Structures are given as structure tokens and as C-alpha cells.
Amino acid sequence: CLGRSAGAAAMALRGVRVLELGGLAPAPLCGMILADFGAQVVRVDRPTRSALAADVQGRGKRSLALDLKRGAGAEALRRMCRRADVLIEPFRHGVMEKLGLGPDVLLQENPRLIYARLTGFGQTGKYAKSAGHDINYLSLSGVLSKLGRKGENPYAPVNLLADFAGGGVMCAVGIVIALYERTKSGKGQVIDASMVEGVAYLSSYLWKSQRLGTWTRPRGENLLDSGAHFYETYKTSDGKFMAVGAIEPQFYKQLIKGLGLDSAELPSQFSASDWPEMKKKFASVFAQKTQAEWCSIFDGTDACVTPVLSFDDVASHQHNKQRGSFIKNDEEEISPRPAPLLSRTPAVPSFKRDPFIGEHTEKILLEYGFTKQEIAKLYSDEVIECSKPRANL
């Protein structure tokens, strides 16, 4: 692995100062994306007796433990925001205003600040002050109604869609757009990133393809929602799975060939009434060989058949290995490499472990213009916490 320092100087977001208020799932991903591409991300954590953080997406970040519920803590953050480029806040509507840290206050003091508000329901509307999780945002967006097999209840595919795609990723896109706009206007702005709207926007194709007749059948009976036998997963003889996505006729032809079936004896590919029976036929064929055997048959073809890889296998798969798609940090933990790849200013992710809560408190405050005396006062007043990691003996 290349060291971070080798390419860090060329990263696209180098020099951008980000303050990320500690939260769960979406905001940490947003901050990690910015950090991976070169931003200086400070995670502002709540002081705690435990040095361990709940955030597992702390790569490339540093931690400042600061009690925002105390007046001196809120004032310290307010002061830091005068020197920051981006603030990411994941709290429910009204929380920051109660702390005296709303966008009206902070942008008045730093008109260049990009104030990113990442919440489930957004800053306005009936549910703005309500609690929720990925499944709730997904349901309100309309997307959840499309997910699930025939005859079953809708189901949420873990918490990827609303929390991470519609939340963390969309918010990061909004921040980068606002940073670009600032190069022309010199002004910051407020980003209202709602996970409901983020995941709804993500589903634009579903909305715009309705007139094509793609979604006319009930859930689980359409082309792309597990209705078709040629867009499905099948169990192999060793208990693993293969994924099939042979939509186009020329690809379907190669699929049929690889399965050892005779197309002359099969119904038309797009005869939806025959799909359930064809699924049974495909399932019986796939069950006759191991995943590795099917890979040897379909690799190198355009049949659109690939193995369903487990987290244990994905990094060692030949394709992913050749691209270096997964990386190891200093503690041998495997995770996906930042994407997409930029040819001239690629992300150079940190290989260090994630920060402990309060690990960098003093150093960060010094960088943001606090004196050692001011820091000592904040510490004695228990507004900040300084955690020094112990060496492993």
C-alpha cells in the first residue's frame, strides 16, 4: 500500500476544513468521503468516559471531545466555525438553534461557511421534529413500496439506501457543489439534506420509467424486482449463490448456452407468464454445480452471470484484487477503497486506525486559534476531554 503522505498533497479537497458533529451512520460517511479525498475533518464528539467511538467511519478524521450543552462548549464551536469551510450537523430540527449555533448565527460570523444539515425528514414539514431511521425514510420516499418479493411484505435492504446513499452520499455531493459555487460567489450557504428526498431522488429512474411499462405488474413480478428468471439469484450445489442479469437477448442467449439448455425448447424470454416456471428450471440447473464451477463456465462470457461474494471472499476475488478495490489499514481491517477513481488527484485514504474520542482535542484547538491557557480552562471546567491512547503492551 502507498503511504497517505505520498499522494495527500495532490488530493482534490486538500485544505478544506470540515467540522463534523458526531452522529450515527449517514453523517460519518459524509465526513469520511470528504476526508478520503483530502479534507481536514475534525469529528466533534461528546465527552464520554469511554475512549471508544461508536463511529466506525472515522478514517482520516481527528477527534475533538467538546460538550456543546455547556455554554463555553457551544461558544468554542462557534469560534471554530469562523475558521472552518464546512460544518456537518446531524441533529433533529431546532437542536442547533437552541445551542445558539444555528445557520443564521454562524453564517453571519463566517459568510463563507457551508452549513450542511443532514437529517431524515429535512428542516421543514410535518415530520421535521420526529425521530426515524432508514426504514422510515425509505417508506416515506415511496421506494420501500418497490422492494420485496412477490407475495411478501416490502423489506428494507439493510440501511444502505436512505442512511448512506440518500443521506451521506447525497450530502457529500451537496457540499462539493456548494464548495464549487463558493469559488465564484465567495459565499457559503445552508444545505438541507433530507434522507427522504435523497433516496427519492436516487429513485428518479423508477419514476421516469413508469411510462415505459417497466413497473406495471405487482411488486416482485417485474423485470428488475425479482420477477424475471433472468434477473435473479440462484443457489449452487455448495450452498453459495450466483447472480444472473441477462436482460438483453444476446446476453440471454449466452446464459442459456452456459446452462446447457436448448433455446428451441424454451418459451420466449419476455413471456412473463412463463417466468415462474423458468425460475424453477434455472434453480434446478444451478443446483447441480458449485459456485466455482459456474464461474469457470461463465467467466469471460457476456452472459451477465457472476458469483455472489461474501465479505470474506470479495477482496481476494481476481477482478477486485487486480483493481485494488479493497484496502487494509494498519490493524489489518479490510474495507472498500474510496470511489470513484480520479486520474490526477485520487483519494489517498488513511491507513491508520480510527481516532479515539478526544484523541486530538488539544492539537485541534491550537490549530483553530485557542491559546494553551484557554484550553487549560476548558479542560478544568470539563468542557473538553483529552484522551491519550495507551500503548499496547
Protein backbone atom coordinates (compact mmCIF):
# COMPACT_ATOMS: atom_id res chain seq x y z
CA CYS A 1 0.00 0.00 0.00
CA LEU A 2 1.14 3.54 -0.72
CA GLY A 3 1.51 5.81 2.28
CA ARG A 4 -1.03 8.58 2.62
CA SER A 5 1.64 11.29 2.64
CA ALA A 6 2.90 10.34 -0.84
CA GLY A 7 -0.25 11.47 -2.63
CA ALA A 8 -2.01 13.53 0.03
CA ALA A 9 -0.66 16.82 -1.31
CA ALA A 10 -2.48 16.28 -4.61
CA MET A 11 -5.88 15.32 -3.24
CA ALA A 12 -8.85 17.24 -4.60
CA LEU A 13 -10.17 18.55 -1.26
CA ARG A 14 -6.81 19.36 0.29
CA GLY A 15 -7.03 22.37 2.60
CA VAL A 16 -10.81 22.19 3.11
CA ARG A 17 -11.56 22.37 6.83
CA VAL A 18 -14.56 20.33 7.94
CA LEU A 19 -16.21 20.13 11.35
CA GLU A 20 -18.41 17.04 11.65
CA LEU A 21 -20.64 16.87 14.69
CA GLY A 22 -20.58 13.31 15.99
CA GLY A 23 -23.55 11.19 14.95
CA LEU A 24 -24.51 7.78 13.61
CA ALA A 25 -24.21 6.29 10.12
CA PRO A 26 -25.03 8.99 7.48
CA ALA A 27 -23.02 11.99 8.72
CA PRO A 28 -19.91 9.90 9.49
CA LEU A 29 -19.98 8.50 5.93
CA CYS A 30 -20.31 12.03 4.55
CA GLY A 31 -17.31 13.15 6.59
CA MET A 32 -15.28 10.08 5.65
CA ILE A 33 -15.85 10.71 1.94
CA LEU A 34 -14.54 14.26 2.35
CA ALA A 35 -11.57 13.03 4.42
CA ASP A 36 -10.72 10.31 1.88
CA PHE A 37 -10.45 12.95 -0.82
CA GLY A 38 -8.20 15.21 1.25
CA ALA A 39 -10.33 17.39 3.53
CA GLN A 40 -9.15 18.04 7.09
CA VAL A 41 -12.07 16.54 9.00
CA VAL A 42 -12.48 17.10 12.73
CA ARG A 43 -15.11 14.94 14.36
CA VAL A 44 -16.61 16.87 17.27
CA ASP A 45 -17.53 14.19 19.80
CA ARG A 46 -19.46 14.32 23.03
CA PRO A 47 -17.16 13.83 26.04
CA THR A 48 -17.52 10.30 27.38
CA ARG A 49 -15.83 8.06 29.88
CA SER A 50 -15.07 5.60 27.11
CA ALA A 51 -12.41 6.49 24.57
CA LEU A 52 -14.02 4.18 22.02
CA ALA A 53 -16.22 5.82 19.39
CA ALA A 54 -19.49 4.47 18.02
CA ASP A 55 -18.46 5.89 14.64
CA VAL A 56 -16.80 3.14 12.60
CA GLN A 57 -16.34 5.52 9.67
CA GLY A 58 -13.68 7.66 11.27
CA ARG A 59 -10.99 7.00 8.66
CA GLY A 60 -8.75 10.00 8.16
CA LYS A 61 -10.52 12.08 10.81
CA ARG A 62 -9.33 13.52 14.10
CA SER A 63 -11.43 13.73 17.26
CA LEU A 64 -12.20 16.72 19.46
CA ALA A 65 -14.24 15.94 22.60
CA LEU A 66 -16.40 19.00 23.32
CA ASP A 67 -19.55 19.39 25.43
CA LEU A 68 -21.89 21.52 23.32
CA LYS A 69 -24.54 21.56 26.05
CA ARG A 70 -22.32 23.85 28.12
CA GLY A 71 -22.23 27.49 27.11
CA ALA A 72 -18.44 27.51 26.87
CA GLY A 73 -18.55 24.42 24.65
CA ALA A 74 -21.07 25.94 22.25
CA GLU A 75 -19.03 29.14 22.18
CA ALA A 76 -15.87 27.15 21.37
CA LEU A 77 -17.56 25.51 18.38
CA ARG A 78 -18.94 28.86 17.27
CA ARG A 79 -15.41 30.25 17.36
CA MET A 80 -14.06 27.27 15.37
CA CYS A 81 -16.74 27.76 12.71
CA ARG A 82 -15.26 31.17 11.94
CA ARG A 83 -12.21 29.34 10.54
CA ALA A 84 -13.98 26.33 9.02
CA ASP A 85 -15.17 25.75 5.47
CA VAL A 86 -17.84 23.14 6.21
CA LEU A 87 -19.99 22.19 9.20
CA ILE A 88 -21.86 18.86 9.08
CA GLU A 89 -24.63 18.60 11.68
CA PRO A 90 -26.91 15.56 12.02
CA PHE A 91 -29.31 16.68 14.75
CA ARG A 92 -33.07 16.99 14.64
CA HIS A 93 -34.66 20.27 13.64
CA GLY A 94 -34.14 23.03 16.20
CA VAL A 95 -31.32 21.46 18.25
CA MET A 96 -28.57 23.71 16.88
CA GLU A 97 -30.74 26.80 17.25
CA LYS A 98 -31.27 26.01 20.95
CA LEU A 99 -27.49 25.86 21.36
CA GLY A 100 -27.10 29.27 19.71
CA LEU A 101 -25.37 27.58 16.78
CA GLY A 102 -27.99 27.92 14.05
CA PRO A 103 -27.01 28.88 10.50
CA ASP A 104 -28.20 32.48 10.94
CA VAL A 105 -25.62 32.97 13.69
CA LEU A 106 -22.71 31.04 12.17
CA LEU A 107 -23.04 32.35 8.60
CA GLN A 108 -23.23 35.90 9.87
CA GLU A 109 -19.86 35.40 11.52
CA ASN A 110 -18.41 33.40 8.60
CA PRO A 111 -20.26 34.12 5.34
CA ARG A 112 -18.09 31.52 3.55
CA LEU A 113 -19.25 28.65 5.77
CA ILE A 114 -21.11 25.75 4.16
CA TYR A 115 -23.59 24.60 6.78
CA ALA A 116 -24.73 21.06 5.91
CA ARG A 117 -27.80 19.84 7.79
CA LEU A 118 -28.22 16.09 7.34
CA THR A 119 -31.47 14.75 8.75
CA GLY A 120 -34.06 12.09 7.98
CA PHE A 121 -37.06 14.29 7.24
CA GLY A 122 -35.45 17.65 6.48
CA GLN A 123 -35.74 21.05 8.17
CA THR A 124 -39.43 21.67 7.39
CA GLY A 125 -42.62 19.65 7.10
CA LYS A 126 -44.86 17.60 9.41
CA TYR A 127 -42.13 15.12 10.43
CA ALA A 128 -39.22 17.60 10.73
CA LYS A 129 -39.01 17.16 14.52
CA SER A 130 -39.82 13.43 14.55
CA ALA A 131 -37.44 10.55 15.21
CA GLY A 132 -36.87 7.98 12.49
CA HIS A 133 -34.48 5.52 10.90
CA ASP A 134 -33.56 4.34 7.42
CA ILE A 135 -36.67 2.17 7.05
CA ASN A 136 -38.91 5.15 7.91
CA TYR A 137 -37.23 7.48 5.43
CA LEU A 138 -37.34 4.75 2.81
CA SER A 139 -41.05 4.23 3.39
CA LEU A 140 -41.92 7.92 3.13
CA SER A 141 -39.93 8.26 -0.12
CA GLY A 142 -42.06 5.65 -1.88
CA VAL A 143 -39.03 3.47 -2.59
CA LEU A 144 -39.81 0.88 0.09
CA SER A 145 -43.08 0.02 -1.69
CA LYS A 146 -41.00 -1.25 -4.63
CA LEU A 147 -38.73 -3.54 -2.59
CA GLY A 148 -39.70 -7.10 -1.83
CA ARG A 149 -40.61 -10.39 -3.44
CA LYS A 150 -43.97 -11.45 -4.76
CA GLY A 151 -46.50 -12.14 -2.01
CA GLU A 152 -44.22 -10.77 0.73
CA ASN A 153 -44.17 -7.55 2.72
CA PRO A 154 -41.90 -4.75 1.48
CA TYR A 155 -38.42 -5.07 3.02
CA ALA A 156 -35.54 -2.68 3.54
CA PRO A 157 -32.14 -3.84 2.19
CA VAL A 158 -30.25 -3.23 5.47
CA ASN A 159 -29.78 0.54 5.93
CA LEU A 160 -27.89 1.30 2.75
CA LEU A 161 -30.41 3.24 0.71
CA ALA A 162 -31.68 6.08 2.91
CA ASP A 163 -28.93 6.39 5.52
CA PHE A 164 -25.94 6.09 3.25
CA ALA A 165 -26.92 6.64 -0.40
CA GLY A 166 -29.74 9.14 0.10
CA GLY A 167 -28.12 10.63 3.21
CA GLY A 168 -24.33 10.53 3.48
CA VAL A 169 -23.50 10.41 -0.23
CA MET A 170 -26.10 12.99 -1.32
CA CYS A 171 -24.95 15.33 1.44
CA ALA A 172 -21.32 14.97 0.32
CA VAL A 173 -22.39 15.79 -3.25
CA GLY A 174 -24.21 18.87 -1.96
CA ILE A 175 -21.13 20.00 -0.05
CA VAL A 176 -18.85 19.61 -3.07
CA ILE A 177 -21.36 21.52 -5.23
CA ALA A 178 -21.52 24.32 -2.66
CA LEU A 179 -17.72 24.44 -2.40
CA TYR A 180 -17.50 24.81 -6.18
CA GLU A 181 -20.15 27.54 -6.22
CA ARG A 182 -18.25 29.36 -3.48
CA THR A 183 -15.22 29.68 -5.77
CA LYS A 184 -17.36 32.01 -7.91
CA SER A 185 -19.51 33.83 -5.34
CA GLY A 186 -17.23 33.74 -2.31
CA LYS A 187 -20.28 32.84 -0.24
CA GLY A 188 -21.29 29.81 1.76
CA GLN A 189 -24.84 28.51 2.11
CA VAL A 190 -27.09 26.14 4.04
CA ILE A 191 -27.62 22.59 2.74
CA ASP A 192 -30.89 20.94 3.80
CA ALA A 193 -30.12 17.27 3.12
CA SER A 194 -33.21 15.15 3.79
CA MET A 195 -32.75 11.39 3.57
CA VAL A 196 -36.35 11.00 2.40
CA GLU A 197 -35.70 13.34 -0.53
CA GLY A 198 -32.20 11.98 -1.09
CA VAL A 199 -33.39 8.41 -1.58
CA ALA A 200 -36.41 9.62 -3.60
CA TYR A 201 -34.01 11.49 -5.92
CA LEU A 202 -31.91 8.35 -6.12
CA SER A 203 -35.03 6.56 -7.40
CA SER A 204 -35.60 9.02 -10.28
CA TYR A 205 -35.27 6.21 -12.83
CA LEU A 206 -38.12 4.32 -11.19
CA TRP A 207 -40.34 7.38 -11.53
CA LYS A 208 -39.32 8.25 -15.05
CA SER A 209 -39.50 4.69 -16.38
CA GLN A 210 -43.10 4.10 -15.29
CA ARG A 211 -44.47 5.15 -18.67
CA LEU A 212 -42.24 2.54 -20.31
CA GLY A 213 -44.32 -0.20 -18.68
CA THR A 214 -41.39 -1.43 -16.61
CA TRP A 215 -43.35 -1.42 -13.33
CA THR A 216 -46.92 -2.25 -14.37
CA ARG A 217 -47.05 -5.60 -12.57
CA PRO A 218 -47.32 -6.07 -8.76
CA ARG A 219 -44.16 -5.91 -6.63
CA GLY A 220 -41.88 -8.87 -7.23
CA GLU A 221 -43.30 -9.66 -10.68
CA ASN A 222 -41.48 -7.07 -12.78
CA LEU A 223 -38.31 -7.28 -14.82
CA LEU A 224 -35.91 -5.81 -12.25
CA ASP A 225 -37.53 -6.67 -8.90
CA SER A 226 -37.06 -10.47 -8.91
CA GLY A 227 -39.95 -11.19 -11.25
CA ALA A 228 -37.87 -12.34 -14.21
CA HIS A 229 -35.92 -15.61 -14.20
CA PHE A 230 -33.04 -13.92 -15.99
CA TYR A 231 -32.64 -11.24 -13.28
CA GLU A 232 -32.38 -13.34 -10.15
CA THR A 233 -30.04 -15.16 -7.75
CA TYR A 234 -29.71 -18.96 -7.70
CA LYS A 235 -28.29 -21.36 -5.13
CA THR A 236 -25.38 -23.59 -6.13
CA SER A 237 -24.61 -27.15 -5.00
CA ASP A 238 -22.17 -25.91 -2.34
CA GLY A 239 -24.74 -23.59 -0.74
CA LYS A 240 -23.41 -20.43 -2.37
CA PHE A 241 -25.17 -18.25 -4.96
CA MET A 242 -24.86 -16.90 -8.49
CA ALA A 243 -26.36 -13.60 -9.68
CA VAL A 244 -27.96 -13.52 -13.12
CA GLY A 245 -28.67 -10.29 -15.02
CA ALA A 246 -29.01 -11.39 -18.65
CA ILE A 247 -31.60 -8.84 -19.82
CA GLU A 248 -30.62 -8.27 -23.45
CA PRO A 249 -31.43 -11.15 -25.88
CA GLN A 250 -27.80 -11.59 -26.93
CA PHE A 251 -26.76 -11.98 -23.29
CA TYR A 252 -29.69 -14.27 -22.53
CA LYS A 253 -28.59 -16.48 -25.43
CA GLN A 254 -25.17 -16.94 -23.80
CA LEU A 255 -26.83 -17.64 -20.45
CA ILE A 256 -28.94 -20.43 -21.96
CA LYS A 257 -25.87 -21.87 -23.65
CA GLY A 258 -23.85 -21.87 -20.42
CA LEU A 259 -26.69 -23.58 -18.59
CA GLY A 260 -26.69 -26.32 -21.21
CA LEU A 261 -30.30 -25.69 -22.21
CA ASP A 262 -31.84 -25.70 -25.69
CA SER A 263 -33.46 -22.35 -26.54
CA ALA A 264 -35.75 -24.07 -29.06
CA GLU A 265 -37.40 -25.93 -26.19
CA LEU A 266 -37.91 -22.85 -24.03
CA PRO A 267 -40.64 -20.19 -24.07
CA SER A 268 -39.91 -16.66 -25.23
CA GLN A 269 -37.57 -14.81 -22.84
CA PHE A 270 -40.05 -11.99 -22.16
CA SER A 271 -43.16 -14.13 -21.73
CA ALA A 272 -43.91 -13.04 -18.17
CA SER A 273 -46.45 -15.80 -17.59
CA ASP A 274 -43.66 -18.35 -18.05
CA TRP A 275 -41.20 -16.65 -15.68
CA PRO A 276 -42.21 -18.58 -12.50
CA GLU A 277 -41.76 -21.95 -14.25
CA MET A 278 -38.47 -20.85 -15.82
CA LYS A 279 -37.20 -19.85 -12.38
CA LYS A 280 -37.78 -23.39 -11.18
CA LYS A 281 -35.95 -24.78 -14.20
CA PHE A 282 -32.98 -22.43 -13.72
CA ALA A 283 -32.88 -23.22 -9.99
CA SER A 284 -32.65 -26.94 -10.65
CA VAL A 285 -29.80 -26.43 -13.14
CA PHE A 286 -27.78 -24.06 -10.93
CA ALA A 287 -28.15 -26.50 -8.02
CA GLN A 288 -26.15 -29.12 -9.97
CA LYS A 289 -22.76 -27.34 -9.83
CA THR A 290 -20.66 -25.43 -7.31
CA GLN A 291 -20.18 -21.69 -7.46
CA ALA A 292 -16.61 -22.19 -8.66
CA GLU A 293 -17.76 -24.49 -11.44
CA TRP A 294 -20.32 -21.96 -12.64
CA CYS A 295 -17.65 -19.25 -12.55
CA SER A 296 -15.41 -21.36 -14.78
CA ILE A 297 -18.30 -21.65 -17.25
CA PHE A 298 -19.44 -18.02 -17.28
CA ASP A 299 -16.26 -16.02 -16.61
CA GLY A 300 -15.13 -14.39 -19.86
CA THR A 301 -18.61 -14.53 -21.41
CA ASP A 302 -21.29 -11.86 -21.75
CA ALA A 303 -23.93 -13.98 -20.04
CA CYS A 304 -24.04 -11.49 -17.13
CA VAL A 305 -23.57 -14.22 -14.53
CA THR A 306 -21.38 -13.51 -11.50
CA PRO A 307 -20.75 -15.07 -8.10
CA VAL A 308 -22.47 -13.60 -5.03
CA LEU A 309 -19.36 -12.95 -2.98
CA SER A 310 -19.31 -12.89 0.81
CA PHE A 311 -17.36 -10.23 2.71
CA ASP A 312 -14.77 -12.95 3.39
CA ASP A 313 -14.25 -13.61 -0.32
CA VAL A 314 -14.71 -10.26 -2.01
CA ALA A 315 -11.19 -8.82 -1.50
CA SER A 316 -9.49 -11.95 -2.84
CA HIS A 317 -11.62 -12.21 -6.00
CA GLN A 318 -9.37 -11.83 -9.03
CA HIS A 319 -11.14 -8.80 -10.51
CA ASN A 320 -11.23 -6.86 -7.23
CA LYS A 321 -7.65 -7.89 -6.46
CA GLN A 322 -6.40 -6.64 -9.83
CA ARG A 323 -8.03 -3.25 -9.27
CA GLY A 324 -7.05 -2.96 -5.61
CA SER A 325 -10.73 -2.37 -4.80
CA PHE A 326 -10.28 -3.20 -1.12
CA ILE A 327 -7.65 -1.93 1.29
CA LYS A 328 -6.24 -2.89 4.70
CA ASN A 329 -5.49 -0.42 7.44
CA ASP A 330 -2.68 -0.68 9.99
CA GLU A 331 -4.80 -3.05 12.07
CA GLU A 332 -5.39 -5.41 9.13
CA GLU A 333 -9.05 -4.40 8.82
CA ILE A 334 -10.36 -4.66 5.26
CA SER A 335 -12.66 -2.01 3.79
CA PRO A 336 -13.58 -0.69 0.31
CA ARG A 337 -11.21 1.73 -1.35
CA PRO A 338 -12.68 5.23 -1.95
CA ALA A 339 -14.57 5.60 -5.21
CA PRO A 340 -14.62 6.86 -7.87
CA LEU A 341 -11.01 6.87 -9.08
CA LEU A 342 -9.67 10.26 -10.11
CA SER A 343 -6.81 10.11 -12.63
CA ARG A 344 -4.83 13.13 -11.39
CA THR A 345 -5.97 13.79 -7.83
CA PRO A 346 -7.11 10.41 -6.48
CA ALA A 347 -8.21 9.78 -2.92
CA VAL A 348 -5.40 8.57 -0.68
CA PRO A 349 -7.19 7.06 2.31
CA SER A 350 -5.58 6.95 5.71
CA PHE A 351 -4.34 3.53 6.80
CA LYS A 352 -4.33 4.48 10.47
CA ARG A 353 -6.93 3.21 12.92
CA ASP A 354 -10.00 5.37 13.56
CA PRO A 355 -9.48 8.07 16.22
CA PHE A 356 -10.37 7.64 19.87
CA ILE A 357 -12.82 10.19 21.26
CA GLY A 358 -10.89 13.28 22.30
CA GLU A 359 -7.58 11.96 20.99
CA HIS A 360 -6.64 15.19 19.19
CA THR A 361 -8.52 17.76 21.29
CA GLU A 362 -5.61 19.97 22.32
CA LYS A 363 -3.87 19.95 18.95
CA ILE A 364 -7.08 20.81 17.08
CA LEU A 365 -7.93 23.71 19.37
CA LEU A 366 -4.42 25.13 18.97
CA GLU A 367 -4.82 24.95 15.18
CA TYR A 368 -8.14 26.80 15.46
CA GLY A 369 -6.52 29.67 17.38
CA PHE A 370 -7.09 28.77 21.03
CA THR A 371 -4.28 29.54 23.45
CA LYS A 372 -2.88 26.94 25.85
CA GLN A 373 -4.37 28.92 28.73
CA GLU A 374 -7.83 28.86 27.13
CA ILE A 375 -7.52 25.13 26.52
CA ALA A 376 -6.47 24.53 30.14
CA LYS A 377 -9.52 26.49 31.34
CA LEU A 378 -11.87 24.47 29.10
CA TYR A 379 -10.31 21.28 30.45
CA SER A 380 -10.57 22.29 34.11
CA ASP A 381 -14.20 23.30 33.54
CA GLU A 382 -14.83 19.83 32.00
CA VAL A 383 -15.97 21.37 28.70
CA ILE A 384 -13.41 19.35 26.75
CA GLU A 385 -11.84 15.94 27.14
CA CYS A 386 -8.33 14.91 26.14
CA SER A 387 -7.88 11.19 25.61
CA LYS A 388 -4.39 9.82 25.21
CA PRO A 389 -4.41 6.30 23.72
CA ARG A 390 -2.40 3.82 25.72
CA ALA A 391 0.33 1.81 24.09
CA ASN A 392 -0.43 -1.87 23.56
CA LEU A 393 1.92 -3.83 25.81
